[in-house]
Amino acid sequence: QVQLVESGGGLVQPGGSLRLSCAASGSISGIYAMGWYRQAPGKQRELVAAITSGGRTNYGDSVKDRFTISRDNAKNTVYLQMSSLKPEDTAVYYCRVAGSNDYDPYEYWGQGTQVTVSS
């Protein structure tokens, strides 16, 4: 069974920073992409950032130049460094892991961690 354990969310003032972590544990191999999505109340879930096993990154337009995604392949862990946070970054942030095991594709989602940007 695979588990994604997220941490690092919380309340921060506008202009502040937070770092999210997501560690995948259990019987998992062949991870290709790890990433973060977010969903604000009344809005659709959207891509924040993703990174492949080779280090290629992709960011949502609203977070470019403010957020940085990285990963530790040995630990099956992905990080999201968030800087210059704005109130509109307030959302539940979800970790996603995708890959394949013996050509059988899979994806897993974390339970989400709340990020609130407010003064």
Protein backbone atom coordinates (compact mmCIF):
# COMPACT_ATOMS: atom_id res chain seq x y z
CA GLN A 1 0.00 0.00 0.00
CA VAL A 2 1.29 3.43 -0.95
CA GLN A 3 1.02 6.44 1.30
CA LEU A 4 1.77 10.07 0.56
CA VAL A 5 2.55 12.05 3.68
CA GLU A 6 2.35 15.80 3.24
CA SER A 7 3.64 18.39 5.65
CA GLY A 8 4.49 22.06 5.87
CA GLY A 9 1.19 23.83 5.38
CA GLY A 10 -0.11 26.53 7.66
CA LEU A 11 -0.90 30.21 8.06
CA VAL A 12 1.50 32.80 6.69
CA GLN A 13 1.35 36.53 6.08
CA PRO A 14 1.40 37.97 2.57
CA GLY A 15 4.95 38.12 1.29
CA GLY A 16 6.01 35.23 3.49
CA SER A 17 7.33 31.79 2.67
CA LEU A 18 6.43 28.18 3.30
CA ARG A 19 7.95 24.86 2.33
CA LEU A 20 5.79 21.85 1.62
CA SER A 21 7.06 18.28 1.66
CA CYS A 22 5.51 15.07 0.39
CA ALA A 23 7.05 11.68 1.03
CA ALA A 24 5.86 8.56 -0.76
CA SER A 25 6.19 5.35 1.20
CA GLY A 26 5.18 1.75 0.77
CA SER A 27 5.50 -0.54 -2.20
CA ILE A 28 6.20 1.99 -4.90
CA SER A 29 8.63 2.02 -7.80
CA GLY A 30 8.92 3.49 -11.25
CA ILE A 31 7.92 6.98 -10.17
CA TYR A 32 8.07 9.35 -13.12
CA ALA A 33 6.40 12.57 -12.04
CA MET A 34 5.84 14.14 -8.67
CA GLY A 35 3.98 17.35 -8.21
CA TRP A 36 1.67 19.69 -6.39
CA TYR A 37 -1.84 20.79 -7.23
CA ARG A 38 -4.11 23.12 -5.33
CA GLN A 39 -7.79 23.75 -4.97
CA ALA A 40 -9.34 26.88 -3.56
CA PRO A 41 -12.99 27.00 -2.44
CA GLY A 42 -15.30 27.14 -5.42
CA LYS A 43 -12.49 26.60 -7.91
CA GLN A 44 -11.16 23.66 -9.88
CA ARG A 45 -8.02 21.87 -8.87
CA GLU A 46 -5.05 23.31 -10.74
CA LEU A 47 -1.43 22.46 -11.35
CA VAL A 48 1.03 24.30 -9.16
CA ALA A 49 4.25 22.56 -10.14
CA ALA A 50 5.52 19.19 -11.25
CA ILE A 51 8.91 17.57 -11.70
CA THR A 52 10.00 14.45 -13.54
CA SER A 53 12.53 11.89 -12.40
CA GLY A 54 14.99 13.56 -14.75
CA GLY A 55 14.47 16.95 -13.16
CA ARG A 56 12.32 18.60 -15.81
CA THR A 57 9.92 21.05 -14.20
CA ASN A 58 6.59 22.60 -15.10
CA TYR A 59 4.88 25.44 -13.25
CA GLY A 60 1.47 27.01 -13.25
CA ASP A 61 1.55 30.53 -14.69
CA SER A 62 0.46 32.14 -11.44
CA VAL A 63 3.38 30.74 -9.42
CA LYS A 64 6.27 31.05 -11.85
CA ASP A 65 9.24 32.92 -10.37
CA ARG A 66 7.78 32.57 -6.86
CA PHE A 67 7.64 28.81 -6.25
CA THR A 68 10.35 26.21 -6.72
CA ILE A 69 9.81 22.47 -6.89
CA SER A 70 12.51 19.92 -6.18
CA ARG A 71 12.71 16.23 -5.38
CA ASP A 72 14.90 13.66 -3.73
CA ASN A 73 14.60 10.51 -5.82
CA ALA A 74 16.34 8.36 -3.23
CA LYS A 75 13.76 9.35 -0.62
CA ASN A 76 10.76 9.49 -2.99
CA THR A 77 10.12 12.96 -1.66
CA VAL A 78 9.05 16.14 -3.41
CA TYR A 79 9.34 19.66 -2.02
CA LEU A 80 7.66 22.92 -2.87
CA GLN A 81 9.36 26.11 -1.74
CA MET A 82 6.81 28.92 -1.84
CA SER A 83 7.94 32.52 -1.60
CA SER A 84 6.29 35.93 -1.98
CA LEU A 85 3.00 34.33 -1.03
CA LYS A 86 -0.21 36.13 -1.90
CA PRO A 87 -3.73 35.78 -0.49
CA GLU A 88 -4.78 34.17 -3.77
CA ASP A 89 -2.37 31.32 -3.04
CA THR A 90 -4.71 30.24 -0.26
CA ALA A 91 -5.90 26.72 -1.02
CA VAL A 92 -5.59 23.08 -0.11
CA TYR A 93 -2.40 21.77 -1.67
CA TYR A 94 -2.32 18.17 -2.86
CA CYS A 95 0.68 16.04 -3.66
CA ARG A 96 0.48 13.75 -6.70
CA VAL A 97 2.76 10.92 -7.71
CA ALA A 98 2.57 9.20 -11.09
CA GLY A 99 4.55 6.42 -12.69
CA SER A 100 4.36 2.88 -13.91
CA ASN A 101 5.11 -0.52 -12.46
CA ASP A 102 5.76 -3.23 -15.06
CA TYR A 103 4.08 -1.00 -17.64
CA ASP A 104 1.02 -0.65 -15.43
CA PRO A 105 0.47 3.09 -14.91
CA TYR A 106 -0.57 4.50 -11.57
CA GLU A 107 -1.16 7.76 -9.77
CA TYR A 108 -1.60 8.52 -6.10
CA TRP A 109 -2.83 11.63 -4.33
CA GLY A 110 -2.13 12.91 -0.87
CA GLN A 111 -4.87 13.99 1.51
CA GLY A 112 -3.99 17.66 1.14
CA THR A 113 -2.50 20.32 3.35
CA GLN A 114 -4.05 23.73 3.94
CA VAL A 115 -2.11 26.85 3.06
CA THR A 116 -3.63 30.13 4.19
CA VAL A 117 -2.11 33.47 3.27
CA SER A 118 -3.60 36.23 5.35
CA SER A 119 -2.63 39.18 7.49
